[in-house]
Protein backbone atom coordinates (compact mmCIF):
# COMPACT_ATOMS: atom_id res chain seq x y z
CA MET A 1 1.36 -16.32 -4.54
CA LEU A 2 -0.95 -13.84 -2.51
CA GLY A 3 -4.50 -14.69 -2.50
CA ILE A 4 -7.71 -13.64 -1.07
CA ASP A 5 -7.22 -15.44 2.57
CA VAL A 6 -3.68 -13.70 2.99
CA ALA A 7 -5.22 -10.27 1.80
CA ARG A 8 -7.83 -10.78 4.45
CA VAL A 9 -5.31 -11.32 7.06
CA ILE A 10 -3.25 -8.36 5.97
CA ILE A 11 -6.30 -5.97 6.07
CA THR A 12 -7.40 -7.16 9.52
CA GLU A 13 -4.14 -6.93 11.10
CA ALA A 14 -3.38 -3.36 9.38
CA PHE A 15 -6.72 -2.22 11.07
CA LYS A 16 -5.69 -3.69 14.31
CA ALA A 17 -2.13 -1.93 14.16
CA GLY A 18 -3.97 1.23 13.30
CA ALA A 19 -6.45 1.08 16.18
CA ALA A 20 -3.92 0.09 18.70
CA ALA A 21 -1.76 3.22 17.66
CA GLY A 22 -4.71 5.41 17.87
CA MET A 23 -4.83 6.22 13.91
CA LYS A 24 -7.62 7.79 12.07
CA PRO A 25 -9.79 5.35 10.15
CA LEU A 26 -8.10 3.34 7.51
CA SER A 27 -8.74 2.24 4.16
CA VAL A 28 -6.44 -0.82 3.02
CA VAL A 29 -6.32 -2.42 -0.35
CA VAL A 30 -4.19 -5.37 -1.29
CA LEU A 31 -3.08 -5.99 -4.81
CA ASP A 32 -1.60 -8.92 -6.32
CA GLN A 33 1.73 -9.02 -8.53
CA GLY A 34 -0.19 -7.80 -11.51
CA GLY A 35 -1.77 -4.79 -9.91
CA HIS A 36 -5.17 -6.57 -9.82
CA VAL A 37 -7.27 -5.81 -6.60
CA LEU A 38 -7.74 -8.83 -4.30
CA ALA A 39 -9.50 -7.16 -1.67
CA PHE A 40 -10.23 -3.58 -0.10
CA GLU A 41 -11.89 -2.44 3.11
CA ARG A 42 -12.63 0.84 4.63
CA SER A 43 -12.95 1.35 8.37
CA ASP A 44 -16.17 3.04 9.76
CA GLY A 45 -15.72 6.67 9.63
CA ALA A 46 -13.24 6.68 6.81
CA SER A 47 -14.09 8.87 3.83
CA PRO A 48 -15.54 7.30 0.38
CA GLY A 49 -12.76 8.41 -1.68
CA ARG A 50 -10.08 6.35 0.29
CA PHE A 51 -10.24 3.33 -2.28
CA GLU A 52 -8.55 5.50 -4.91
CA ILE A 53 -5.98 6.71 -2.76
CA ALA A 54 -5.15 3.44 -1.47
CA ARG A 55 -4.98 1.70 -4.66
CA ALA A 56 -2.83 4.52 -6.21
CA LYS A 57 -0.26 4.09 -3.33
CA ALA A 58 -0.19 0.22 -3.84
CA HIS A 59 -0.18 0.27 -7.58
CA GLY A 60 2.65 2.47 -7.76
CA ALA A 61 4.78 0.19 -5.73
CA VAL A 62 3.80 -2.92 -7.53
CA MET A 63 4.19 -1.36 -10.95
CA LEU A 64 7.45 0.38 -10.16
CA GLY A 65 8.91 -2.07 -7.71
CA MET A 66 9.46 0.29 -5.21
CA GLY A 67 7.54 1.20 -1.92
CA GLY A 68 6.07 4.59 -1.31
CA ARG A 69 9.02 6.06 0.81
CA ALA A 70 11.37 5.28 -2.19
CA GLN A 71 9.08 6.78 -4.72
CA LYS A 72 8.74 10.02 -2.39
CA ALA A 73 12.53 10.22 -2.37
CA ARG A 74 12.58 9.58 -6.28
CA ALA A 75 9.86 12.44 -6.63
CA GLU A 76 11.93 14.66 -4.59
CA ALA A 77 15.14 14.01 -6.56
CA GLN A 78 13.46 13.82 -9.92
CA GLY A 79 9.96 15.31 -9.90
CA TYR A 80 9.81 15.34 -13.77
CA PHE A 81 10.48 11.71 -13.73
CA MET A 82 7.68 10.77 -11.22
CA ALA A 83 5.43 13.17 -13.11
CA ALA A 84 6.13 11.31 -16.49
CA LEU A 85 5.27 7.99 -14.66
CA SER A 86 1.99 9.47 -13.48
CA GLY A 87 1.15 9.95 -17.12
CA VAL A 88 2.15 6.46 -18.21
CA PHE A 89 -0.04 4.75 -15.47
CA GLU A 90 -2.73 7.18 -16.12
CA GLY A 91 -2.50 8.98 -12.85
CA ARG A 92 -2.67 5.47 -10.77
CA ILE A 93 0.48 6.14 -8.80
CA LEU A 94 0.92 8.24 -5.62
CA PRO A 95 4.49 8.48 -4.55
CA VAL A 96 4.13 8.85 -0.75
CA PRO A 97 4.37 6.35 2.15
CA GLY A 98 1.46 4.06 2.54
CA GLY A 99 2.25 1.87 -0.57
CA VAL A 100 4.16 -1.04 0.55
CA LEU A 101 5.61 -3.98 -1.44
CA VAL A 102 4.77 -7.68 -0.39
CA ARG A 103 7.68 -10.05 -0.72
CA ASP A 104 7.50 -13.78 -0.07
CA ALA A 105 10.30 -15.66 1.98
CA SER A 106 12.36 -15.75 -1.27
CA GLY A 107 12.35 -12.29 -1.79
CA ALA A 108 10.03 -12.36 -4.82
CA VAL A 109 7.40 -9.57 -5.20
CA VAL A 110 3.93 -11.05 -4.69
CA GLY A 111 1.69 -7.85 -4.58
CA ALA A 112 1.43 -4.70 -2.64
CA VAL A 113 -0.63 -3.00 0.19
CA GLY A 114 -1.88 0.50 -0.05
CA VAL A 115 -3.26 2.12 3.18
CA THR A 116 -4.64 5.52 3.69
CA GLY A 117 -6.58 7.56 6.41
CA ASP A 118 -3.86 8.82 8.65
CA THR A 119 -0.48 10.44 7.98
CA SER A 120 1.12 8.64 5.30
CA ASP A 121 4.21 7.42 7.68
CA ASN A 122 1.45 5.83 9.66
CA ASP A 123 -0.39 4.35 6.90
CA ALA A 124 2.94 2.79 6.07
CA ILE A 125 3.49 1.48 9.67
CA ALA A 126 -0.17 -0.12 9.70
CA ALA A 127 0.48 -1.58 6.14
CA GLU A 128 3.86 -3.18 7.24
CA ALA A 129 2.17 -4.61 10.23
CA GLY A 130 -0.63 -6.45 8.24
CA ILE A 131 1.83 -7.87 5.95
CA ARG A 132 4.21 -9.26 8.76
CA ALA A 133 1.25 -10.72 10.48
CA ALA A 134 0.59 -12.70 7.38
CA GLY A 135 4.25 -14.12 7.35
CA LEU A 136 5.39 -12.09 4.76
CA GLN A 137 8.13 -9.09 4.27
CA PRO A 138 7.07 -5.59 3.68
CA GLU A 139 9.40 -3.23 1.54
CA ALA A 140 7.84 0.34 2.37
């Protein structure tokens, strides 16, 4: 189970990874396996609209069972399908890197992390670092 203490570790470590790599100010959200927000933080200097972007990245990952990189590939191959899913989920999916599934040691999905603020690829790198630091497995 993914709880608030682990969510805080993920966020703290994602921010540290972003700062160490010289990324722009990040915003990070952690969702549980049902897509509910456990925690969100926005770095100083991050724009206020970042919550919705981070949540859409994470929500798509957990609801579809695939990280943002896989969603992007699917959108490139079958744009109509991802567009339909966007309607199904009332626009709460964003099929780009930065939405990362969180798996426990047994491989079960326990939640997702959404990061936004830099390039989507860098957002995913920061999310993965936070997840690994919490002792869990990322799937971008």
